[in-house]
Amino acid sequence: MEKELIEEKSQKSKKLKKRWIFLMVVAVIALAVGIAAIVDGVNGIEALGSFVSDQILGMKWLNALVGLALAALFGEEFLATHWGGALQFFLYDTIKIIVLLCTLIFVISYIQSYFPPERTKKILGKYKGIGANIMGALLGTVTPFCSCSSIPLFMGFTRAGISSGVTFSFLISSPLVDLGAFILLVSVFGFPIAITYVVVGLVLAVIGGTIIEKTGVGKHVQDFILEGSMADVDAEEMTKRERLCYAKDQMLATLKKVWVYILIGVGIGATIHNFIPTEWVQAVLGEDKWYSVLIASGVGVPMYADIFGTIPVAEALFFKGVGVGTILSFMMGVTALSLPSMIMLSKAVKPKLLFSFIAIVVAGIIIIGYVFNAVGFLFI
């Protein structure tokens, strides 16, 4: 009895400590925003946001440092050439993305260690209807997985009896929207476009999952998944050391999985940024071209890349004057509907459900592209 009381008191103490840490973080953020507002009103808040996105997350100082190093090694003349600019872009973006990726995946994985599949199933089981779909989509934001990694979890949720609307909302949002992608998007495009990407990604996930559930096509899952079983047990409590080790392992595993795509993406971005004339890009993907969204979606869907490898390409297109909607369509096509993930999904669902899923997501991506191209002036 005494041992139980001591353990209960220890648990309360831990919860209280976590709450205080959270409140302190919120207080520091609020204090920084308040000081900025007092100093220069709305302009002060905007300046603070720009500093965070440009210098802390965007690491513009790193770009300047890489430029100085290259100039010292090869001379100012080389840095002014296309090859010099491409090399600076490649080194800066690669270092920035890998540093941010490792930091973010570590933090997200640590948080995720508190939500094993069994606990997640119980949380989702408490919600019904559109609320459950929203929870499924939000759950996808804290799972730093590519689409191929999300499919086994999707299968587990289906086997556990969670509704098709929730599982497909999760399946769409998991590779499309996560906290790491949001931070990286802020570092490249700033807060407005990053927030827009996350919001439209979640809306697409919720609507897509809802349509699949309401039309009844969500029941067309392969029999072996429905016939399987999932252990209904509580996950063992992990110690802080175990959570840190888990986060480190997840970080290293993710880095091993995506580093090639980061290098390829940064290489393509550097080529677009420094060697392909702006007029060429705008002639094909300019905001005034009605077919730009269709081309971006068509190119993006067959590709296989993690969102971390897609961002450098999107960055280069953005600086070449490509519309926000076209860029969103490209990124969403690559991350949500890659060919390898669709092949994996075809093993878990029947053709009718697979084609319905692809059609719904493609239609949503195209609509999002055209809408945001129409209001793109709000983000420039």
Protein backbone atom coordinates (compact mmCIF):
# COMPACT_ATOMS: atom_id res chain seq x y z
CA MET A 1 0.00 0.00 0.00
CA GLU A 2 2.77 2.41 0.96
CA LYS A 3 4.64 1.53 -2.22
CA GLU A 4 1.56 2.35 -4.30
CA LEU A 5 1.16 5.71 -2.58
CA ILE A 6 4.82 6.57 -3.24
CA GLU A 7 4.44 5.58 -6.90
CA GLU A 8 1.23 7.62 -7.24
CA LYS A 9 2.93 10.64 -5.68
CA SER A 10 5.87 10.22 -8.05
CA GLN A 11 3.53 10.12 -11.06
CA LYS A 12 1.77 13.30 -9.92
CA SER A 13 5.13 15.00 -9.42
CA LYS A 14 6.20 14.08 -12.98
CA LYS A 15 2.95 15.38 -14.47
CA LEU A 16 3.27 18.62 -12.51
CA LYS A 17 6.87 19.06 -13.70
CA LYS A 18 5.86 18.55 -17.35
CA ARG A 19 3.01 21.03 -16.94
CA TRP A 20 5.37 23.65 -15.52
CA ILE A 21 7.85 23.14 -18.36
CA PHE A 22 5.05 23.56 -20.91
CA LEU A 23 3.78 26.72 -19.19
CA MET A 24 7.32 28.15 -19.08
CA VAL A 25 7.78 27.59 -22.82
CA VAL A 26 4.43 29.26 -23.54
CA ALA A 27 5.35 32.14 -21.21
CA VAL A 28 8.71 32.71 -22.96
CA ILE A 29 7.02 32.76 -26.39
CA ALA A 30 4.29 35.11 -25.13
CA LEU A 31 6.92 37.39 -23.54
CA ALA A 32 8.92 37.58 -26.79
CA VAL A 33 5.79 38.41 -28.81
CA GLY A 34 4.69 40.95 -26.19
CA ILE A 35 8.06 42.75 -26.19
CA ALA A 36 8.06 42.85 -30.01
CA ALA A 37 4.54 44.31 -29.99
CA ILE A 38 5.45 46.95 -27.39
CA VAL A 39 8.59 48.00 -29.32
CA ASP A 40 7.00 48.32 -32.78
CA GLY A 41 3.42 47.05 -32.73
CA VAL A 42 2.38 44.78 -35.60
CA ASN A 43 5.65 45.52 -37.42
CA GLY A 44 7.56 44.27 -34.40
CA ILE A 45 5.66 40.98 -34.38
CA GLU A 46 6.25 40.58 -38.13
CA ALA A 47 9.96 41.31 -37.62
CA LEU A 48 10.12 38.67 -34.88
CA GLY A 49 8.40 36.14 -37.15
CA SER A 50 10.80 36.95 -39.98
CA PHE A 51 13.79 36.55 -37.66
CA VAL A 52 12.57 33.14 -36.51
CA SER A 53 11.80 31.91 -40.05
CA ASP A 54 14.91 33.42 -41.68
CA GLN A 55 17.69 33.16 -39.11
CA ILE A 56 16.67 30.41 -36.66
CA LEU A 57 14.76 27.99 -38.90
CA GLY A 58 15.94 29.20 -42.31
CA MET A 59 19.58 29.55 -41.15
CA LYS A 60 20.31 32.41 -43.55
CA TRP A 61 23.47 32.99 -41.55
CA LEU A 62 24.61 29.53 -42.68
CA ASN A 63 24.11 30.52 -46.32
CA ALA A 64 26.30 33.58 -45.78
CA LEU A 65 28.90 31.43 -44.01
CA VAL A 66 28.97 28.89 -46.86
CA GLY A 67 29.33 31.77 -49.33
CA LEU A 68 32.29 33.20 -47.42
CA ALA A 69 33.95 29.77 -47.24
CA LEU A 70 33.53 29.16 -50.99
CA ALA A 71 34.77 32.66 -51.81
CA ALA A 72 37.86 32.07 -49.66
CA LEU A 73 38.52 28.71 -51.36
CA PHE A 74 37.70 29.49 -55.00
CA GLY A 75 37.45 33.27 -55.21
CA GLU A 76 34.57 35.73 -55.63
CA GLU A 77 34.55 35.21 -59.41
CA PHE A 78 33.70 31.51 -59.06
CA LEU A 79 30.93 32.27 -56.56
CA ALA A 80 29.33 34.62 -59.10
CA THR A 81 29.12 31.87 -61.75
CA HIS A 82 26.24 29.40 -62.20
CA TRP A 83 28.42 26.59 -60.83
CA GLY A 84 29.42 28.64 -57.80
CA GLY A 85 25.81 29.56 -57.05
CA ALA A 86 24.71 25.94 -57.50
CA LEU A 87 27.41 24.66 -55.15
CA GLN A 88 26.48 27.24 -52.50
CA PHE A 89 22.77 26.32 -52.83
CA PHE A 90 23.60 22.59 -52.61
CA LEU A 91 25.83 22.83 -49.53
CA TYR A 92 23.60 25.29 -47.67
CA ASP A 93 20.31 23.46 -48.31
CA THR A 94 21.79 20.02 -47.59
CA ILE A 95 23.30 21.06 -44.25
CA LYS A 96 20.21 23.04 -43.24
CA ILE A 97 17.72 20.26 -44.06
CA ILE A 98 19.77 17.52 -42.40
CA VAL A 99 20.31 19.55 -39.21
CA LEU A 100 16.64 20.50 -38.96
CA LEU A 101 15.52 17.00 -39.94
CA CYS A 102 17.61 15.29 -37.24
CA THR A 103 16.54 17.75 -34.56
CA LEU A 104 12.86 17.58 -35.45
CA ILE A 105 12.64 13.81 -35.91
CA PHE A 106 14.32 13.34 -32.53
CA VAL A 107 11.83 15.65 -30.79
CA ILE A 108 8.79 14.27 -32.65
CA SER A 109 9.82 10.66 -32.02
CA TYR A 110 10.25 11.39 -28.32
CA ILE A 111 6.70 12.77 -28.23
CA GLN A 112 5.48 9.85 -30.31
CA SER A 113 6.88 7.37 -27.77
CA TYR A 114 3.92 8.31 -25.57
CA PHE A 115 1.46 7.18 -28.28
CA PRO A 116 2.02 3.52 -29.23
CA PRO A 117 -0.57 1.92 -31.58
CA GLU A 118 -2.59 0.44 -28.68
CA ARG A 119 -2.95 3.80 -26.96
CA THR A 120 -3.66 5.52 -30.27
CA LYS A 121 -6.40 3.00 -31.00
CA LYS A 122 -8.03 3.76 -27.65
CA ILE A 123 -7.85 7.52 -28.26
CA LEU A 124 -9.38 7.24 -31.73
CA GLY A 125 -12.06 4.88 -30.45
CA LYS A 126 -13.49 7.70 -28.30
CA TYR A 127 -14.47 9.80 -31.32
CA LYS A 128 -17.20 9.33 -33.90
CA GLY A 129 -18.13 10.83 -37.28
CA ILE A 130 -16.27 13.86 -38.65
CA GLY A 131 -14.59 14.39 -35.26
CA ALA A 132 -12.94 10.98 -35.56
CA ASN A 133 -11.71 11.81 -39.09
CA ILE A 134 -10.24 15.06 -37.83
CA MET A 135 -8.46 13.16 -35.04
CA GLY A 136 -7.14 10.65 -37.59
CA ALA A 137 -5.79 13.48 -39.76
CA LEU A 138 -4.21 15.22 -36.76
CA LEU A 139 -2.66 11.94 -35.66
CA GLY A 140 -0.89 11.83 -39.03
CA THR A 141 0.88 15.09 -38.20
CA VAL A 142 2.79 13.51 -35.31
CA THR A 143 3.95 10.46 -37.28
CA PRO A 144 7.15 11.36 -39.16
CA PHE A 145 6.67 8.70 -41.82
CA CYS A 146 6.70 8.58 -45.59
CA SER A 147 3.65 7.09 -47.32
CA CYS A 148 5.22 3.60 -47.49
CA SER A 149 5.84 3.62 -43.72
CA SER A 150 2.29 4.78 -43.03
CA ILE A 151 0.64 1.82 -44.76
CA PRO A 152 1.54 -0.82 -42.09
CA LEU A 153 0.00 1.46 -39.43
CA PHE A 154 -3.06 1.93 -41.65
CA MET A 155 -3.38 -1.86 -41.84
CA GLY A 156 -3.08 -2.16 -38.07
CA PHE A 157 -5.78 0.44 -37.46
CA THR A 158 -8.09 -1.28 -39.96
CA ARG A 159 -7.51 -4.64 -38.26
CA ALA A 160 -8.30 -3.00 -34.92
CA GLY A 161 -11.77 -2.08 -36.19
CA ILE A 162 -11.24 1.67 -36.58
CA SER A 163 -13.53 3.15 -39.26
CA SER A 164 -12.36 3.53 -42.86
CA GLY A 165 -12.85 7.30 -42.68
CA VAL A 166 -10.38 7.62 -39.81
CA THR A 167 -7.82 5.24 -41.28
CA PHE A 168 -7.82 6.96 -44.68
CA SER A 169 -7.69 10.43 -43.13
CA PHE A 170 -4.60 9.19 -41.29
CA LEU A 171 -3.17 7.59 -44.45
CA ILE A 172 -3.48 10.85 -46.40
CA SER A 173 -2.17 13.20 -43.72
CA SER A 174 0.69 11.07 -42.39
CA PRO A 175 3.08 11.47 -45.33
CA LEU A 176 1.59 14.81 -46.37
CA VAL A 177 1.65 16.87 -43.19
CA ASP A 178 3.88 16.53 -40.16
CA LEU A 179 5.51 18.86 -37.67
CA GLY A 180 8.94 18.38 -39.23
CA ALA A 181 7.65 19.33 -42.67
CA PHE A 182 5.97 22.41 -41.19
CA ILE A 183 9.20 23.65 -39.60
CA LEU A 184 11.15 23.04 -42.80
CA LEU A 185 8.48 24.81 -44.85
CA VAL A 186 8.70 27.80 -42.50
CA SER A 187 12.49 27.82 -42.94
CA VAL A 188 12.10 28.06 -46.74
CA PHE A 189 8.83 29.87 -47.45
CA GLY A 190 7.91 31.58 -44.19
CA PHE A 191 4.89 31.11 -41.93
CA PRO A 192 2.01 32.03 -44.30
CA ILE A 193 2.76 29.36 -46.92
CA ALA A 194 3.77 26.77 -44.31
CA ILE A 195 0.52 27.22 -42.38
CA THR A 196 -1.43 27.13 -45.66
CA TYR A 197 0.20 23.83 -46.65
CA VAL A 198 -0.62 22.22 -43.30
CA VAL A 199 -4.23 23.47 -43.28
CA VAL A 200 -5.04 22.37 -46.84
CA GLY A 201 -3.31 19.04 -46.23
CA LEU A 202 -5.46 18.38 -43.16
CA VAL A 203 -8.63 19.50 -44.96
CA LEU A 204 -7.84 17.19 -47.87
CA ALA A 205 -7.23 14.31 -45.43
CA VAL A 206 -10.52 14.88 -43.56
CA ILE A 207 -12.61 15.31 -46.73
CA GLY A 208 -10.95 12.34 -48.45
CA GLY A 209 -11.53 10.07 -45.46
CA THR A 210 -15.13 11.25 -45.11
CA ILE A 211 -15.94 10.57 -48.77
CA ILE A 212 -14.41 7.09 -48.61
CA GLU A 213 -16.45 6.26 -45.51
CA LYS A 214 -19.77 7.78 -46.61
CA THR A 215 -19.70 6.20 -50.09
CA GLY A 216 -19.03 2.78 -48.58
CA VAL A 217 -15.95 2.03 -50.70
CA GLY A 218 -13.88 1.86 -47.52
CA LYS A 219 -15.12 -1.66 -46.88
CA HIS A 220 -13.18 -3.03 -49.89
CA VAL A 221 -10.15 -4.12 -47.88
CA GLN A 222 -8.31 -7.37 -48.50
CA ASP A 223 -9.70 -10.27 -46.45
CA PHE A 224 -6.40 -11.17 -44.75
CA ILE A 225 -6.36 -7.78 -42.99
CA LEU A 226 -9.91 -8.11 -41.66
CA GLU A 227 -9.28 -11.68 -40.54
CA GLY A 228 -6.14 -10.80 -38.59
CA SER A 229 -6.07 -9.70 -35.00
CA MET A 230 -4.32 -6.99 -33.05
CA ALA A 231 -3.18 -7.35 -29.49
CA ASP A 232 -5.21 -5.22 -27.15
CA VAL A 233 -2.66 -4.60 -24.48
CA ASP A 234 -1.31 -1.52 -22.78
CA ALA A 235 2.16 -0.55 -23.86
CA GLU A 236 4.80 -0.86 -21.19
CA GLU A 237 5.81 2.43 -19.66
CA MET A 238 9.17 3.51 -21.01
CA THR A 239 11.77 5.26 -18.90
CA LYS A 240 13.13 8.61 -19.96
CA ARG A 241 16.38 6.93 -21.04
CA GLU A 242 14.43 4.43 -23.17
CA ARG A 243 12.45 7.24 -24.79
CA LEU A 244 15.66 9.10 -25.61
CA CYS A 245 17.16 5.93 -27.12
CA TYR A 246 13.95 5.35 -29.09
CA ALA A 247 14.04 8.94 -30.40
CA LYS A 248 17.70 8.59 -31.39
CA ASP A 249 17.05 5.29 -33.18
CA GLN A 250 14.07 6.78 -35.05
CA MET A 251 16.16 9.81 -36.03
CA LEU A 252 19.00 7.66 -37.40
CA ALA A 253 16.59 5.27 -39.15
CA THR A 254 14.76 8.17 -40.81
CA LEU A 255 18.00 9.84 -41.86
CA LYS A 256 19.27 6.58 -43.41
CA LYS A 257 15.97 6.24 -45.26
CA VAL A 258 15.76 9.78 -46.70
CA TRP A 259 19.30 11.14 -47.08
CA VAL A 260 19.52 9.99 -50.70
CA TYR A 261 16.26 11.77 -51.54
CA ILE A 262 17.49 14.91 -49.79
CA LEU A 263 20.65 14.95 -51.93
CA ILE A 264 18.67 14.27 -55.11
CA GLY A 265 16.09 16.92 -54.22
CA VAL A 266 18.72 19.54 -53.36
CA GLY A 267 20.62 18.67 -56.55
CA ILE A 268 17.49 19.17 -58.68
CA GLY A 269 16.71 22.37 -56.80
CA ALA A 270 20.23 23.72 -57.33
CA THR A 271 19.98 22.95 -61.06
CA ILE A 272 16.61 24.70 -61.41
CA HIS A 273 17.76 27.62 -59.28
CA ASN A 274 21.04 28.29 -61.10
CA PHE A 275 20.96 26.77 -64.59
CA ILE A 276 17.39 26.84 -65.90
CA PRO A 277 16.30 30.32 -67.01
CA THR A 278 13.31 31.81 -65.20
CA GLU A 279 11.52 32.36 -68.53
CA TRP A 280 11.65 28.62 -69.29
CA VAL A 281 10.14 27.67 -65.95
CA GLN A 282 7.43 30.33 -66.18
CA ALA A 283 6.62 29.32 -69.74
CA VAL A 284 5.61 25.87 -68.46
CA LEU A 285 4.60 26.42 -64.83
CA GLY A 286 3.81 30.14 -64.65
CA GLU A 287 0.72 31.29 -62.74
CA ASP A 288 -0.89 32.41 -66.00
CA LYS A 289 -0.71 28.91 -67.51
CA TRP A 290 -3.98 27.07 -66.91
CA TYR A 291 -2.28 23.71 -67.29
CA SER A 292 0.55 24.31 -64.78
CA VAL A 293 -1.30 22.59 -61.91
CA LEU A 294 -2.08 19.55 -64.09
CA ILE A 295 1.57 19.25 -65.14
CA ALA A 296 2.83 19.63 -61.54
CA SER A 297 0.37 17.01 -60.28
CA GLY A 298 1.15 14.65 -63.17
CA VAL A 299 4.90 14.94 -62.59
CA GLY A 300 4.61 14.64 -58.82
CA VAL A 301 2.40 11.57 -58.52
CA PRO A 302 4.74 8.99 -60.17
CA MET A 303 7.78 10.24 -58.26
CA TYR A 304 8.99 8.73 -55.01
CA ALA A 305 10.54 11.12 -52.54
CA ASP A 306 10.12 12.07 -48.94
CA ILE A 307 8.78 15.57 -48.33
CA PHE A 308 12.25 16.52 -47.06
CA GLY A 309 13.63 15.82 -50.54
CA THR A 310 10.73 17.65 -52.21
CA ILE A 311 11.15 20.97 -50.37
CA PRO A 312 14.42 22.04 -52.14
CA VAL A 313 12.74 21.52 -55.54
CA ALA A 314 9.71 23.51 -54.39
CA GLU A 315 12.03 26.24 -53.08
CA ALA A 316 13.75 26.58 -56.45
CA LEU A 317 10.41 26.69 -58.29
CA PHE A 318 9.12 29.33 -55.87
CA PHE A 319 12.09 31.60 -56.55
CA LYS A 320 11.53 31.13 -60.29
CA GLY A 321 8.05 32.61 -59.96
CA VAL A 322 5.97 29.42 -60.03
CA GLY A 323 2.52 29.83 -58.43
CA VAL A 324 1.90 28.77 -54.84
CA GLY A 325 -0.93 26.46 -55.92
CA THR A 326 1.26 24.72 -58.50
CA ILE A 327 3.97 24.14 -55.89
CA LEU A 328 1.45 22.78 -53.38
CA SER A 329 0.07 20.39 -56.02
CA PHE A 330 3.56 19.15 -56.86
CA MET A 331 4.54 18.57 -53.23
CA MET A 332 1.26 16.86 -52.35
CA GLY A 333 1.41 14.65 -55.44
CA VAL A 334 4.92 13.46 -54.60
CA THR A 335 4.30 12.79 -50.91
CA ALA A 336 0.73 11.44 -50.88
CA LEU A 337 0.59 9.34 -54.06
CA SER A 338 4.05 8.01 -54.84
CA LEU A 339 4.08 4.95 -57.10
CA PRO A 340 5.82 2.59 -54.60
CA SER A 341 3.30 3.45 -51.88
CA MET A 342 0.38 2.82 -54.25
CA ILE A 343 1.86 -0.60 -55.11
CA MET A 344 2.09 -1.38 -51.37
CA LEU A 345 -1.46 -0.14 -50.79
CA SER A 346 -2.75 -2.33 -53.64
CA LYS A 347 -1.71 -5.38 -51.59
CA ALA A 348 -3.87 -4.21 -48.67
CA VAL A 349 -7.02 -2.95 -50.44
CA LYS A 350 -9.13 -4.09 -53.38
CA PRO A 351 -8.96 -2.31 -56.78
CA LYS A 352 -12.21 -0.36 -56.28
CA LEU A 353 -10.97 1.19 -53.05
CA LEU A 354 -7.49 1.85 -54.45
CA PHE A 355 -8.79 3.67 -57.54
CA SER A 356 -11.33 5.61 -55.47
CA PHE A 357 -8.59 6.71 -53.06
CA ILE A 358 -6.30 7.84 -55.90
CA ALA A 359 -9.15 9.66 -57.71
CA ILE A 360 -10.26 11.51 -54.56
CA VAL A 361 -6.74 12.61 -53.61
CA VAL A 362 -5.79 13.65 -57.18
CA ALA A 363 -9.01 15.66 -57.55
CA GLY A 364 -8.37 17.33 -54.19
CA ILE A 365 -4.77 18.18 -55.08
CA ILE A 366 -5.79 19.72 -58.41
CA ILE A 367 -8.60 21.78 -56.84
CA ILE A 368 -6.21 23.02 -54.14
CA GLY A 369 -3.68 23.99 -56.83
CA TYR A 370 -6.12 26.10 -58.83
CA VAL A 371 -7.65 27.76 -55.77
CA PHE A 372 -4.30 28.79 -54.34
CA ASN A 373 -2.97 29.99 -57.67
CA ALA A 374 -6.03 32.26 -57.83
CA VAL A 375 -5.26 33.75 -54.42
CA GLY A 376 -1.47 33.48 -54.66
CA PHE A 377 -1.06 37.25 -54.38
CA LEU A 378 -1.86 36.91 -50.66
CA PHE A 379 1.41 35.02 -50.08
CA ILE A 380 3.84 37.20 -52.03
